[in-house]
Protein backbone atom coordinates (compact mmCIF):
# COMPACT_ATOMS: atom_id res chain seq x y z
CA MET A 1 -24.80 -7.78 -6.32
CA LEU A 2 -24.07 -7.39 -10.04
CA ASN A 3 -21.02 -9.07 -11.57
CA ILE A 4 -19.67 -7.52 -14.78
CA ASP A 5 -16.44 -7.39 -16.76
CA LEU A 6 -14.40 -4.31 -17.64
CA ASP A 7 -15.96 -3.95 -21.10
CA ILE A 8 -19.44 -3.65 -19.60
CA ALA A 9 -18.18 -1.26 -16.91
CA ARG A 10 -16.56 0.96 -19.54
CA ARG A 11 -19.65 1.02 -21.78
CA PHE A 12 -21.90 1.77 -18.82
CA ILE A 13 -19.77 4.67 -17.59
CA LEU A 14 -19.42 6.13 -21.09
CA GLY A 15 -23.11 5.64 -21.85
CA LYS A 16 -24.30 7.17 -18.59
CA GLN A 17 -22.29 10.28 -19.45
CA GLY A 18 -23.73 10.46 -22.98
CA LEU A 19 -20.40 9.68 -24.66
CA TRP A 20 -21.27 6.30 -26.19
CA PRO A 21 -22.41 4.97 -28.61
CA GLY A 22 -22.83 8.53 -29.96
CA ARG A 23 -24.32 11.94 -29.21
CA ARG A 24 -27.95 11.58 -28.17
CA TRP A 25 -28.74 15.19 -27.22
CA GLN A 26 -29.31 18.23 -29.40
CA GLY A 27 -30.04 21.94 -29.08
CA THR A 28 -30.73 23.97 -25.96
CA ASP A 29 -33.10 21.36 -24.55
CA GLY A 30 -30.47 18.70 -25.20
CA THR A 31 -27.81 20.76 -23.45
CA GLU A 32 -30.06 21.06 -20.42
CA GLN A 33 -30.72 17.32 -20.45
CA ALA A 34 -27.01 16.57 -20.72
CA MET A 35 -26.23 18.82 -17.76
CA ARG A 36 -28.93 17.14 -15.68
CA GLU A 37 -27.83 13.64 -16.61
CA MET A 38 -24.16 14.25 -15.85
CA PRO A 39 -25.23 15.70 -13.17
CA TYR A 40 -22.26 18.01 -12.44
CA LEU A 41 -20.59 20.16 -15.09
CA GLN A 42 -17.17 21.09 -13.71
CA LEU A 43 -16.13 24.64 -14.60
CA ASP A 44 -12.64 25.90 -15.34
CA PRO A 45 -11.57 29.43 -16.34
CA LEU A 46 -8.76 28.48 -18.74
CA GLN A 47 -9.54 29.17 -22.38
CA ILE A 48 -6.84 27.79 -24.64
CA ILE A 49 -8.84 26.39 -27.54
CA ALA A 50 -12.10 26.40 -25.60
CA ARG A 51 -13.00 26.07 -21.94
CA SER A 52 -13.17 22.57 -20.49
CA GLN A 53 -16.91 22.81 -19.74
CA ASP A 54 -17.69 23.75 -23.33
CA ILE A 55 -15.59 20.87 -24.69
CA THR A 56 -17.41 18.56 -22.25
CA LEU A 57 -20.78 19.56 -23.68
CA HIS A 58 -19.52 19.57 -27.28
CA SER A 59 -18.66 15.89 -26.87
CA ARG A 60 -22.25 15.12 -25.79
CA VAL A 61 -24.53 17.55 -27.65
CA ILE A 62 -24.74 17.50 -31.46
CA ASP A 63 -24.84 21.22 -32.20
CA TYR A 64 -23.49 22.69 -28.98
CA SER A 65 -22.04 26.21 -29.15
CA PRO A 66 -19.60 27.64 -26.58
CA GLY A 67 -21.39 29.41 -23.75
CA GLN A 68 -24.79 27.71 -24.10
CA TRP A 69 -24.51 26.41 -20.55
CA GLU A 70 -24.28 30.02 -19.31
CA ASP A 71 -27.65 30.89 -20.82
CA LEU A 72 -29.23 27.94 -19.02
CA ALA A 73 -27.57 28.90 -15.75
CA TYR A 74 -27.67 32.70 -15.66
CA GLU A 75 -30.53 33.64 -17.97
CA GLN A 76 -33.00 30.79 -17.54
CA ARG A 77 -31.88 30.04 -13.94
CA LYS A 78 -32.11 26.28 -14.43
CA PHE A 79 -28.66 25.72 -12.89
CA PHE A 80 -26.37 27.46 -10.42
CA ASP A 81 -22.63 27.23 -9.85
CA TRP A 82 -21.03 26.63 -6.49
CA GLY A 83 -18.19 25.07 -4.56
CA GLY A 84 -14.47 24.77 -3.96
CA TRP A 85 -14.83 22.09 -6.62
CA LEU A 86 -16.57 24.48 -9.00
CA ALA A 87 -19.46 22.97 -10.94
CA THR A 88 -23.01 23.65 -12.05
CA ARG A 89 -25.88 21.95 -10.23
CA PRO A 90 -29.61 21.90 -11.10
CA MET A 91 -31.42 24.83 -9.48
CA ASP A 92 -34.09 22.45 -8.17
CA ASP A 93 -31.39 20.88 -5.99
CA LEU A 94 -30.60 24.15 -4.20
CA PRO A 95 -32.23 23.14 -0.86
CA HIS A 96 -29.86 20.16 -0.59
CA TRP A 97 -26.87 22.39 -1.30
CA LEU A 98 -28.03 25.03 1.15
CA THR A 99 -27.69 22.32 3.79
CA VAL A 100 -24.06 21.85 2.72
CA MET A 101 -23.47 25.60 2.55
CA HIS A 102 -24.75 26.03 6.09
CA ARG A 103 -22.46 23.23 7.26
CA GLU A 104 -19.54 25.15 5.83
CA ARG A 105 -20.73 28.32 7.56
CA ASP A 106 -20.99 26.45 10.88
CA GLY A 107 -17.65 24.63 10.56
CA ASP A 108 -19.06 21.11 10.27
CA PRO A 109 -16.29 18.43 10.31
CA ASP A 110 -17.53 17.06 6.97
CA CYS A 111 -16.91 20.40 5.25
CA ASP A 112 -14.01 22.68 4.40
CA PRO A 113 -12.88 24.26 7.71
CA ARG A 114 -11.32 27.21 5.91
CA VAL A 115 -14.73 28.69 5.13
CA LYS A 116 -15.70 29.31 8.75
CA LYS A 117 -12.23 30.67 9.45
CA MET A 118 -12.63 33.07 6.53
CA GLY A 119 -15.92 34.28 7.99
CA LEU A 120 -14.33 35.00 11.35
CA GLU A 121 -11.29 36.76 9.91
CA HIS A 122 -13.26 39.03 7.58
CA ALA A 123 -16.45 39.59 9.59
CA GLU A 124 -16.40 43.38 9.14
CA ALA A 125 -16.00 43.18 5.34
CA ILE A 126 -18.77 40.56 5.17
CA VAL A 127 -21.22 42.91 6.90
CA GLU A 128 -20.19 45.66 4.47
CA MET A 129 -20.69 43.43 1.40
CA ARG A 130 -24.15 42.34 2.60
CA ALA A 131 -25.22 45.96 2.89
CA LEU A 132 -23.80 46.89 -0.52
CA LEU A 133 -25.50 43.94 -2.21
CA ASP A 134 -28.80 44.96 -0.67
CA GLU A 135 -28.24 48.50 -1.90
CA ARG A 136 -26.80 47.90 -5.39
CA GLY A 137 -28.23 44.53 -6.37
CA VAL A 138 -25.03 43.09 -7.88
CA LEU A 139 -21.34 43.26 -7.04
CA SER A 140 -18.14 41.82 -8.44
CA ASN A 141 -14.55 41.78 -7.23
CA ARG A 142 -13.70 44.43 -9.82
CA ASP A 143 -15.99 46.92 -8.10
CA PHE A 144 -13.37 47.44 -5.40
CA SER A 145 -9.95 48.98 -5.87
CA ALA A 146 -7.10 47.15 -4.20
CA ALA A 147 -5.74 50.48 -3.00
CA ASN A 148 -8.84 51.03 -0.87
CA ARG A 149 -9.14 47.52 0.60
CA LYS A 150 -7.35 45.47 3.20
CA ARG A 151 -4.83 43.21 1.46
CA THR A 152 -4.96 39.42 1.96
CA SER A 153 -2.71 36.53 0.97
CA SER A 154 -5.43 33.98 0.14
CA TYR A 155 -5.49 32.26 -3.25
CA ARG A 156 -9.24 33.02 -3.23
CA GLY A 157 -8.57 36.73 -3.45
CA ARG A 158 -6.09 39.51 -2.65
CA LYS A 159 -8.64 41.90 -1.10
CA ASP A 160 -10.85 41.51 1.96
CA SER A 161 -13.85 42.43 -0.23
CA SER A 162 -13.08 39.49 -2.53
CA LEU A 163 -12.94 37.04 0.36
CA ALA A 164 -16.08 38.47 1.92
CA LEU A 165 -18.04 37.98 -1.31
CA TYR A 166 -16.60 34.50 -1.72
CA TYR A 167 -17.60 33.63 1.84
CA LEU A 168 -21.17 34.80 1.28
CA TRP A 169 -21.29 32.72 -1.92
CA ARG A 170 -19.90 29.60 -0.24
CA THR A 171 -22.37 29.86 2.65
CA GLY A 172 -25.44 30.43 0.50
CA GLU A 173 -26.29 34.07 1.18
CA VAL A 174 -25.40 35.09 -2.36
CA MET A 175 -25.29 33.32 -5.72
CA THR A 176 -23.68 33.96 -9.09
CA HIS A 177 -25.97 36.39 -10.89
CA HIS A 178 -23.94 36.11 -14.11
CA ARG A 179 -20.33 36.03 -15.28
CA GLU A 180 -18.20 38.56 -17.10
CA ASN A 181 -15.12 37.03 -18.73
CA PHE A 182 -15.79 34.09 -16.42
CA GLU A 183 -15.56 36.28 -13.29
CA ARG A 184 -18.54 35.96 -10.96
CA VAL A 185 -20.96 38.84 -10.50
CA TYR A 186 -22.79 38.26 -7.22
CA ALA A 187 -26.35 38.92 -6.07
CA LEU A 188 -28.35 37.98 -2.99
CA THR A 189 -29.77 34.47 -3.22
CA GLU A 190 -33.30 35.75 -2.76
CA THR A 191 -32.97 37.72 -6.02
CA VAL A 192 -31.54 34.83 -8.05
CA ALA A 193 -33.23 31.59 -6.99
CA PRO A 194 -37.01 30.99 -7.10
CA SER A 195 -38.60 31.73 -3.72
CA HIS A 196 -39.88 28.17 -3.21
CA LEU A 197 -36.26 26.95 -3.08
CA HIS A 198 -35.12 29.27 -0.28
CA TYR A 199 -34.77 26.62 2.42
CA ALA A 200 -32.26 23.99 3.56
CA SER A 201 -33.33 20.36 3.32
CA PRO A 202 -33.24 18.13 6.42
CA ARG A 203 -29.72 16.85 6.89
CA GLU A 204 -30.55 13.16 6.46
CA GLU A 205 -32.42 13.87 3.22
CA SER A 206 -29.50 15.87 1.85
CA ASP A 207 -26.98 13.21 2.86
CA ARG A 208 -28.83 10.53 0.91
CA TYR A 209 -29.13 12.82 -2.07
CA LEU A 210 -25.43 13.74 -2.05
CA PHE A 211 -24.30 10.12 -1.92
CA LYS A 212 -26.62 9.11 -4.75
CA ASN A 213 -25.55 12.10 -6.84
CA ASP A 214 -21.89 11.23 -6.38
CA ILE A 215 -22.61 7.68 -7.55
CA ALA A 216 -24.58 9.01 -10.54
CA PHE A 217 -21.69 11.31 -11.47
CA HIS A 218 -19.20 8.44 -11.59
CA GLY A 219 -21.64 5.81 -12.91
CA LEU A 220 -19.74 3.27 -10.84
CA SER A 221 -18.30 4.69 -7.65
CA GLN A 222 -16.10 3.54 -4.79
CA LEU A 223 -17.17 6.58 -2.78
CA LYS A 224 -13.56 7.32 -1.86
CA ARG A 225 -12.73 10.33 0.26
CA ILE A 226 -10.86 12.25 -2.40
CA SER A 227 -10.72 16.02 -2.56
CA ASP A 228 -13.32 16.27 -5.32
CA SER A 229 -15.88 14.20 -3.43
CA TYR A 230 -15.07 16.18 -0.30
CA PHE A 231 -15.99 19.39 -2.07
CA ARG A 232 -19.16 17.83 -3.48
CA GLY A 233 -20.42 17.83 0.09
CA VAL A 234 -20.40 14.07 0.63
CA PRO A 235 -20.48 13.49 4.42
CA PHE A 236 -17.91 10.71 4.75
CA SER A 237 -18.27 10.46 8.52
CA LYS A 238 -21.61 8.77 7.82
CA LYS A 239 -20.55 6.74 4.79
CA LYS A 240 -21.09 3.23 6.19
CA GLU A 241 -24.38 4.10 7.87
CA LEU A 242 -25.72 5.79 4.74
CA MET A 243 -24.56 3.10 2.36
CA ASP A 244 -26.13 0.37 4.51
CA THR A 245 -29.40 2.30 4.47
CA LEU A 246 -29.32 2.93 0.72
CA LEU A 247 -28.54 -0.74 0.03
CA ALA A 248 -31.32 -1.90 2.37
CA ASP A 249 -33.78 0.47 0.70
CA ASN A 250 -32.77 -0.83 -2.77
CA GLU A 251 -31.66 2.62 -3.92
CA VAL A 252 -28.07 1.48 -4.54
CA VAL A 253 -26.60 -1.85 -5.70
CA GLU A 254 -23.16 -3.35 -5.27
CA VAL A 255 -21.22 -4.02 -8.46
CA LYS A 256 -18.19 -6.30 -8.72
CA VAL A 257 -16.05 -5.60 -11.78
CA GLU A 258 -13.81 -8.44 -12.91
CA GLY A 259 -10.18 -7.48 -12.33
CA TRP A 260 -10.98 -4.59 -10.00
CA ARG A 261 -10.37 -5.33 -6.33
CA PRO A 262 -12.68 -2.78 -4.61
CA MET A 263 -16.46 -3.05 -4.50
CA TYR A 264 -18.25 -0.43 -6.56
CA TYR A 265 -21.74 1.02 -6.26
CA ALA A 266 -24.34 1.97 -8.86
CA LEU A 267 -27.81 3.42 -8.57
CA ALA A 268 -30.41 0.66 -8.40
CA SER A 269 -32.34 2.52 -11.11
CA ASP A 270 -29.38 1.86 -13.44
CA ALA A 271 -29.36 -1.91 -12.93
CA ALA A 272 -31.57 -2.39 -16.01
CA LEU A 273 -29.02 -0.49 -18.14
CA ILE A 274 -26.21 -2.71 -16.88
CA ASN A 275 -28.29 -5.82 -17.56
CA ASP A 276 -29.01 -4.61 -21.11
CA LEU A 277 -25.30 -4.11 -21.74
CA SER A 278 -24.46 -7.50 -20.24
CA ALA A 279 -26.96 -9.07 -22.66
CA GLY A 280 -25.31 -7.33 -25.62
CA ARG A 281 -28.04 -4.72 -26.04
CA ILE A 282 -27.62 -0.97 -26.31
CA PRO A 283 -30.25 0.71 -24.11
CA GLU A 284 -32.96 2.30 -26.22
CA ALA A 285 -32.47 5.68 -24.51
CA TRP A 286 -28.82 5.71 -25.58
CA LYS A 287 -29.42 5.44 -29.33
CA PRO A 288 -27.44 8.28 -31.02
CA LEU A 289 -29.19 10.97 -33.04
CA ASP A 290 -26.60 10.98 -35.84
CA THR A 291 -23.08 9.47 -36.02
CA THR A 292 -21.73 6.87 -33.64
CA THR A 293 -18.31 7.05 -31.99
CA GLU A 294 -17.23 4.43 -34.56
CA ASP A 295 -18.15 6.80 -37.40
CA GLU A 296 -16.73 9.90 -35.77
CA VAL A 297 -14.18 10.24 -32.96
CA THR A 298 -14.98 12.35 -29.92
CA PHE A 299 -12.53 14.53 -28.01
CA LEU A 300 -12.75 14.44 -24.23
CA ALA A 301 -12.32 17.57 -22.13
CA PRO A 302 -9.36 17.74 -19.71
CA LEU A 303 -11.71 17.52 -16.71
CA ASP A 304 -14.13 14.93 -18.12
CA ILE A 305 -15.10 12.53 -15.34
CA VAL A 306 -14.53 9.43 -17.50
CA SER A 307 -10.84 10.16 -18.05
CA ALA A 308 -9.57 12.76 -15.57
CA ARG A 309 -7.48 12.12 -12.46
CA GLY A 310 -6.25 8.66 -13.37
CA ARG A 311 -9.59 7.20 -14.43
CA ALA A 312 -8.46 6.83 -18.04
CA LYS A 313 -5.90 4.26 -16.87
CA ASP A 314 -8.52 2.19 -15.02
CA LEU A 315 -11.13 2.23 -17.77
CA PHE A 316 -9.05 2.32 -20.95
CA GLY A 317 -5.47 1.43 -20.02
CA PHE A 318 -4.66 4.97 -21.20
CA ASP A 319 -2.22 7.10 -19.21
CA TYR A 320 -3.58 10.63 -19.22
CA ILE A 321 -2.37 13.59 -17.22
CA TRP A 322 -3.51 17.12 -17.90
CA GLU A 323 -0.15 18.81 -18.31
CA VAL A 324 -1.35 22.39 -18.24
CA TYR A 325 0.20 22.98 -14.80
CA LYS A 326 3.50 21.29 -15.62
CA PRO A 327 6.57 23.36 -16.60
CA ALA A 328 7.10 23.25 -20.36
CA ASP A 329 10.23 21.13 -20.10
CA LYS A 330 8.37 18.53 -18.02
CA ARG A 331 5.51 17.96 -20.45
CA GLN A 332 5.46 14.71 -22.36
CA TYR A 333 2.83 15.76 -24.90
CA GLY A 334 1.51 19.29 -24.67
CA TYR A 335 -0.11 22.12 -22.75
CA TYR A 336 -3.75 21.27 -23.52
CA THR A 337 -3.74 17.69 -24.76
CA LEU A 338 -7.14 16.03 -25.24
CA PRO A 339 -7.86 12.27 -25.37
CA VAL A 340 -9.47 10.85 -28.53
CA LEU A 341 -12.38 8.41 -28.08
CA TRP A 342 -13.01 6.01 -30.99
CA GLY A 343 -15.71 3.45 -30.46
CA GLU A 344 -15.40 2.76 -26.75
CA GLN A 345 -11.62 3.14 -26.46
CA LEU A 346 -9.18 6.00 -26.02
CA VAL A 347 -6.86 5.51 -28.96
CA ALA A 348 -4.92 8.78 -29.29
CA ARG A 349 -4.37 12.27 -27.96
CA PHE A 350 -3.65 15.62 -29.57
CA ASP A 351 -2.47 19.07 -28.59
CA SER A 352 -3.70 22.13 -30.43
CA LYS A 353 -4.29 25.86 -30.42
CA TYR A 354 -6.82 28.15 -32.02
CA ASP A 355 -5.53 31.27 -33.75
CA ARG A 356 -8.54 33.57 -33.42
CA THR A 357 -7.04 36.25 -35.64
CA SER A 358 -6.81 33.98 -38.68
CA GLU A 359 -9.61 31.63 -37.49
CA THR A 360 -7.19 28.72 -37.88
CA PHE A 361 -7.37 25.58 -35.79
CA VAL A 362 -3.77 24.36 -35.50
CA ILE A 363 -2.95 20.79 -34.51
CA LEU A 364 0.34 20.89 -32.64
CA GLY A 365 0.76 17.13 -32.35
CA LEU A 366 -1.14 13.85 -32.62
CA TRP A 367 0.00 10.73 -30.77
CA LEU A 368 -1.46 7.27 -31.42
CA GLU A 369 -1.64 4.49 -28.85
CA ASN A 370 -1.24 1.96 -31.66
CA ASP A 371 0.87 2.88 -34.71
CA ALA A 372 -1.27 0.62 -36.91
CA LEU A 373 -4.08 3.19 -36.68
CA GLY A 374 -2.01 5.41 -38.95
CA GLN A 375 -2.90 3.06 -41.83
CA ASP A 376 -6.53 2.42 -40.83
CA GLU A 377 -8.98 3.87 -43.36
CA LYS A 378 -11.94 3.75 -40.95
CA PHE A 379 -10.00 5.55 -38.25
CA ALA A 380 -8.77 8.17 -40.73
CA SER A 381 -12.36 8.88 -41.74
CA ALA A 382 -13.60 8.96 -38.12
CA LEU A 383 -10.74 11.26 -37.10
CA ALA A 384 -11.43 13.65 -39.99
CA HIS A 385 -15.13 13.83 -39.10
CA GLY A 386 -14.25 14.50 -35.46
CA PHE A 387 -11.88 17.33 -36.34
CA ALA A 388 -14.39 18.81 -38.78
CA ARG A 389 -17.06 19.01 -36.09
CA PHE A 390 -14.57 20.38 -33.56
CA ALA A 391 -13.34 23.09 -35.95
CA LYS A 392 -16.93 24.15 -36.57
CA PHE A 393 -17.52 24.26 -32.82
CA LEU A 394 -14.52 26.59 -32.43
CA GLY A 395 -15.62 28.79 -35.32
CA ALA A 396 -12.50 27.97 -37.36
CA SER A 397 -12.48 28.56 -41.11
CA SER A 398 -9.23 26.66 -41.72
CA LEU A 399 -7.29 23.81 -40.16
CA ASP A 400 -3.54 23.22 -40.07
CA ALA A 401 -2.75 19.49 -39.87
CA SER A 402 0.87 19.68 -40.99
CA THR A 403 2.26 18.24 -37.73
CA ILE A 404 0.39 14.93 -38.11
CA ASN A 405 3.11 12.44 -39.01
CA GLU A 406 0.96 9.72 -40.58
CA PRO A 407 0.32 10.67 -44.26
CA LYS A 408 -3.06 8.94 -44.46
CA LEU A 409 -4.34 10.69 -41.32
CA GLN A 410 -2.82 14.04 -42.28
CA LYS A 411 -4.47 13.98 -45.68
CA ALA A 412 -7.87 13.03 -44.27
CA VAL A 413 -7.78 15.68 -41.55
CA ALA A 414 -6.32 18.43 -43.79
CA ASN A 415 -9.24 18.00 -46.16
CA CYS A 416 -11.95 17.64 -43.50
CA LEU A 417 -13.24 21.20 -43.89
């Protein structure tokens, strides 16, 4: 068992995700590496300033441009998207996920029971969609008029054709061929994935893989049965048995974090990284390619695993709730507020919008955790550099910082372009 304090835990989790001590990936190859290291890139359709998945990769890849992940997924076929918890996964892992998909088809207790029910309720439409996919090659929900389809009340779709396509996607018969305005265009799996991946892994092999992947995603994991883990296919009915096996086989190690009551788990292959950090060393593989997070702040996406769903409070003492689904009068900060990472701490948050007509990035509000940062020259410089990179990422030609209350910060940010 490894014993570490919160500082080491925080650095390890940030470093594993490529967020500290600075960006260490670059270009298309770097984007692919980041997506593999994460190893899940959660997808979300909302595009306010940029989509969450693009902000996630911007914070990790030096010169990332919006949409690069789509080229890797739908042109190069190195990743595929799937799940009730929607995320990209490496294409090489498809056999493990086909095991999960078939569990959903068969109504396995460890999977979402609604999928099998959907298949039973819309069996006729599913047969029809299979035949049309075989005939046409690709289909999308927009190919079917609501007036000519059986209406449904599911949040997954309002037409039986939509639910039939979704069912085939969830159970592995079809995959996302590409996306149009983020909407899936479907094709038969055999036409999307390489032929050598068209099989389901043995269940035990997939179970081990899924548990280890969930640990890798969190860096340090309790393996709690939360909805996200549930939709990542983790078979919790076998949790104790699997964890005992993984511990005995030295594939996973127990980690006790000072001040945290539960036991956490890390991959045994990451023990050397934790030991480096405990000894005060930054792992060689983590050395940034240009600026550090001390030189330049980083903005975290709303769904970033290091800060979403209450994790910011545990790791940083930073209360963060994505308020996009709150009524306007219930929001404390703003519609699309992003946390600001400086060094290894979350020190602020900001809300913003991007006016695409005038190409203006507008800061709607900036809130500091510590008011003294408003007078800190180093922070002002780091904040300005962070906003400059972010504005370039958005394609903005101007930046409106007039709502920033601290004169030193406002001046630095206003002049960052």
